């Protein structure tokens, strides 16, 4: 599911970058936890669309990316 943030969003999520990212690296994925969902966005486009995942889906995805 894609989520386009709006100005009406009452609370801004706290976005986290990977510890492997460099401060000047433009190609980063950022992740934020929101109530009942995990949000993912492209750091090059912080106001762009976000991918929204259920926490269980995110938990199933993490072992795949950490092992590769």
N, C-alpha and C. Protein backbone atom coordinates (compact mmCIF):
# COMPACT_ATOMS: atom_id res chain seq x y z
N UNK A 1 0.84 -1.16 0.00
CA UNK A 1 0.00 0.00 0.00
C UNK A 1 0.90 1.24 0.00
N UNK A 2 0.59 2.21 -0.83
CA UNK A 2 1.34 3.46 -0.87
C UNK A 2 0.57 4.51 -0.09
N UNK A 3 1.31 5.38 0.58
CA UNK A 3 0.70 6.44 1.37
C UNK A 3 1.36 7.74 0.97
N UNK A 4 0.61 8.68 0.46
CA UNK A 4 1.12 10.01 0.13
C UNK A 4 0.88 10.89 1.35
N UNK A 5 1.97 11.36 1.99
CA UNK A 5 1.79 12.17 3.19
C UNK A 5 1.07 13.47 2.86
N UNK A 6 0.29 13.96 3.80
CA UNK A 6 -0.41 15.22 3.61
C UNK A 6 -0.03 16.18 4.72
N UNK A 7 -0.31 17.43 4.49
CA UNK A 7 -0.03 18.45 5.51
C UNK A 7 -0.91 18.25 6.74
N UNK A 8 -1.99 17.50 6.58
CA UNK A 8 -2.89 17.27 7.70
C UNK A 8 -2.39 16.18 8.64
N UNK A 9 -1.32 15.48 8.27
CA UNK A 9 -0.79 14.44 9.16
C UNK A 9 -0.43 15.10 10.49
N UNK A 10 -1.09 14.67 11.55
CA UNK A 10 -0.93 15.33 12.85
C UNK A 10 0.43 15.11 13.47
N UNK A 11 0.95 13.91 13.38
CA UNK A 11 2.23 13.62 14.00
C UNK A 11 3.20 13.11 12.94
N UNK A 12 4.37 13.68 12.95
CA UNK A 12 5.39 13.26 12.00
C UNK A 12 6.14 12.06 12.57
N UNK A 13 6.29 11.01 11.78
CA UNK A 13 7.05 9.85 12.26
C UNK A 13 8.53 10.17 12.40
N UNK A 14 9.21 9.43 13.24
CA UNK A 14 10.66 9.59 13.40
C UNK A 14 11.35 8.62 12.45
N UNK A 15 11.98 9.17 11.41
CA UNK A 15 12.60 8.36 10.37
C UNK A 15 14.01 7.95 10.77
N UNK A 16 14.38 6.72 10.44
CA UNK A 16 15.69 6.16 10.78
C UNK A 16 16.34 5.65 9.50
N UNK A 17 17.64 5.98 9.35
CA UNK A 17 18.44 5.44 8.24
C UNK A 17 19.31 4.32 8.76
N UNK A 18 19.71 3.46 7.88
CA UNK A 18 20.62 2.37 8.23
C UNK A 18 21.93 2.92 8.76
N UNK A 19 22.53 2.22 9.69
CA UNK A 19 23.85 2.62 10.20
C UNK A 19 24.92 2.45 9.12
N UNK A 20 24.61 1.73 8.06
CA UNK A 20 25.53 1.57 6.94
C UNK A 20 25.48 2.75 5.98
N UNK A 21 24.51 3.64 6.13
CA UNK A 21 24.38 4.80 5.26
C UNK A 21 25.40 5.86 5.66
N UNK A 22 25.88 6.58 4.66
CA UNK A 22 26.77 7.70 4.93
C UNK A 22 25.95 8.98 4.89
N UNK A 23 26.37 10.02 5.61
CA UNK A 23 25.60 11.26 5.63
C UNK A 23 25.40 11.88 4.24
N UNK A 24 26.37 11.69 3.36
CA UNK A 24 26.25 12.28 2.02
C UNK A 24 25.69 11.31 1.00
N UNK A 25 25.36 10.10 1.42
CA UNK A 25 24.82 9.10 0.51
C UNK A 25 23.39 9.41 0.12
N UNK A 26 23.13 9.69 -1.15
CA UNK A 26 21.78 10.09 -1.56
C UNK A 26 20.80 8.93 -1.74
N UNK A 27 21.29 7.71 -1.79
CA UNK A 27 20.42 6.58 -2.10
C UNK A 27 20.13 5.75 -0.86
N UNK A 28 19.33 6.28 0.03
CA UNK A 28 19.04 5.59 1.28
C UNK A 28 17.56 5.33 1.42
N UNK A 29 17.27 4.25 2.09
CA UNK A 29 15.90 3.94 2.48
C UNK A 29 15.77 4.32 3.94
N UNK A 30 14.67 4.96 4.28
CA UNK A 30 14.40 5.34 5.66
C UNK A 30 13.17 4.59 6.15
N UNK A 31 13.16 4.28 7.43
CA UNK A 31 12.08 3.50 8.04
C UNK A 31 11.58 4.23 9.27
N UNK A 32 10.28 4.18 9.49
CA UNK A 32 9.67 4.76 10.69
C UNK A 32 8.56 3.84 11.18
N UNK A 33 8.44 3.76 12.49
CA UNK A 33 7.35 2.98 13.08
C UNK A 33 6.21 3.94 13.40
N UNK A 34 5.03 3.57 12.98
CA UNK A 34 3.81 4.32 13.29
C UNK A 34 2.86 3.33 13.96
N UNK A 35 1.81 3.82 14.58
CA UNK A 35 0.87 2.89 15.22
C UNK A 35 0.36 1.85 14.22
N UNK A 36 0.63 0.60 14.50
CA UNK A 36 0.14 -0.55 13.73
C UNK A 36 0.70 -0.65 12.32
N UNK A 37 1.76 0.08 11.99
CA UNK A 37 2.35 -0.01 10.65
C UNK A 37 3.81 0.40 10.66
N UNK A 38 4.54 -0.07 9.68
CA UNK A 38 5.93 0.33 9.45
C UNK A 38 5.94 1.11 8.14
N UNK A 39 6.52 2.30 8.15
CA UNK A 39 6.59 3.15 6.97
C UNK A 39 7.99 3.10 6.38
N UNK A 40 8.07 3.09 5.06
CA UNK A 40 9.35 3.06 4.35
C UNK A 40 9.29 4.14 3.27
N UNK A 41 10.38 4.92 3.14
CA UNK A 41 10.43 5.96 2.11
C UNK A 41 11.83 6.08 1.54
N UNK A 42 11.93 6.76 0.43
CA UNK A 42 13.19 7.06 -0.23
C UNK A 42 13.71 8.38 0.33
N UNK A 43 14.94 8.40 0.83
CA UNK A 43 15.48 9.62 1.43
C UNK A 43 15.63 10.75 0.42
N UNK A 44 15.72 10.42 -0.87
CA UNK A 44 15.82 11.47 -1.90
C UNK A 44 14.50 12.20 -2.07
N UNK A 45 13.42 11.60 -1.62
CA UNK A 45 12.09 12.18 -1.80
C UNK A 45 11.29 12.06 -0.51
N UNK A 46 11.70 12.80 0.54
CA UNK A 46 11.05 12.63 1.84
C UNK A 46 9.57 13.01 1.86
N UNK A 47 9.13 13.83 0.93
CA UNK A 47 7.72 14.19 0.87
C UNK A 47 6.95 13.34 -0.13
N UNK A 48 7.63 12.38 -0.73
CA UNK A 48 7.00 11.51 -1.72
C UNK A 48 6.22 10.38 -1.08
N UNK A 49 5.81 9.43 -1.90
CA UNK A 49 5.02 8.31 -1.39
C UNK A 49 5.80 7.44 -0.41
N UNK A 50 5.06 6.78 0.44
CA UNK A 50 5.64 5.87 1.43
C UNK A 50 5.04 4.49 1.24
N UNK A 51 5.84 3.50 1.51
CA UNK A 51 5.36 2.13 1.53
C UNK A 51 4.94 1.83 2.96
N UNK A 52 3.78 1.26 3.14
CA UNK A 52 3.25 0.96 4.46
C UNK A 52 3.12 -0.56 4.60
N UNK A 53 3.76 -1.12 5.63
CA UNK A 53 3.72 -2.56 5.86
C UNK A 53 3.19 -2.87 7.25
N UNK A 54 2.53 -4.01 7.36
CA UNK A 54 2.15 -4.50 8.68
C UNK A 54 3.42 -4.91 9.42
N UNK A 55 3.47 -4.74 10.73
CA UNK A 55 4.66 -5.14 11.48
C UNK A 55 5.05 -6.60 11.24
N UNK A 56 4.09 -7.49 11.06
CA UNK A 56 4.41 -8.90 10.81
C UNK A 56 5.09 -9.08 9.45
N UNK A 57 4.68 -8.31 8.47
CA UNK A 57 5.31 -8.36 7.14
C UNK A 57 6.73 -7.84 7.23
N UNK A 58 6.94 -6.74 7.94
CA UNK A 58 8.27 -6.17 8.13
C UNK A 58 9.18 -7.18 8.84
N UNK A 59 8.66 -7.83 9.87
CA UNK A 59 9.45 -8.82 10.62
C UNK A 59 9.84 -9.99 9.73
N UNK A 60 8.97 -10.40 8.82
CA UNK A 60 9.29 -11.49 7.90
C UNK A 60 10.31 -11.06 6.85
N UNK A 61 10.31 -9.79 6.48
CA UNK A 61 11.22 -9.25 5.47
C UNK A 61 12.65 -9.07 6.01
N UNK A 62 12.79 -8.67 7.25
CA UNK A 62 14.11 -8.36 7.82
C UNK A 62 15.13 -9.50 7.73
N UNK A 63 14.80 -10.73 8.07
CA UNK A 63 15.81 -11.79 7.95
C UNK A 63 16.32 -11.96 6.52
N UNK A 64 15.46 -11.74 5.55
CA UNK A 64 15.89 -11.87 4.16
C UNK A 64 16.95 -10.83 3.81
N UNK A 65 16.75 -9.59 4.18
CA UNK A 65 17.72 -8.54 3.81
C UNK A 65 18.96 -8.55 4.69
N UNK A 66 18.85 -9.01 5.92
CA UNK A 66 20.03 -9.03 6.78
C UNK A 66 20.94 -10.21 6.46
N UNK A 67 20.40 -11.25 5.84
CA UNK A 67 21.21 -12.41 5.47
C UNK A 67 21.84 -12.28 4.09
N UNK A 68 21.51 -11.24 3.34
CA UNK A 68 22.03 -11.09 1.97
C UNK A 68 22.88 -9.86 1.84
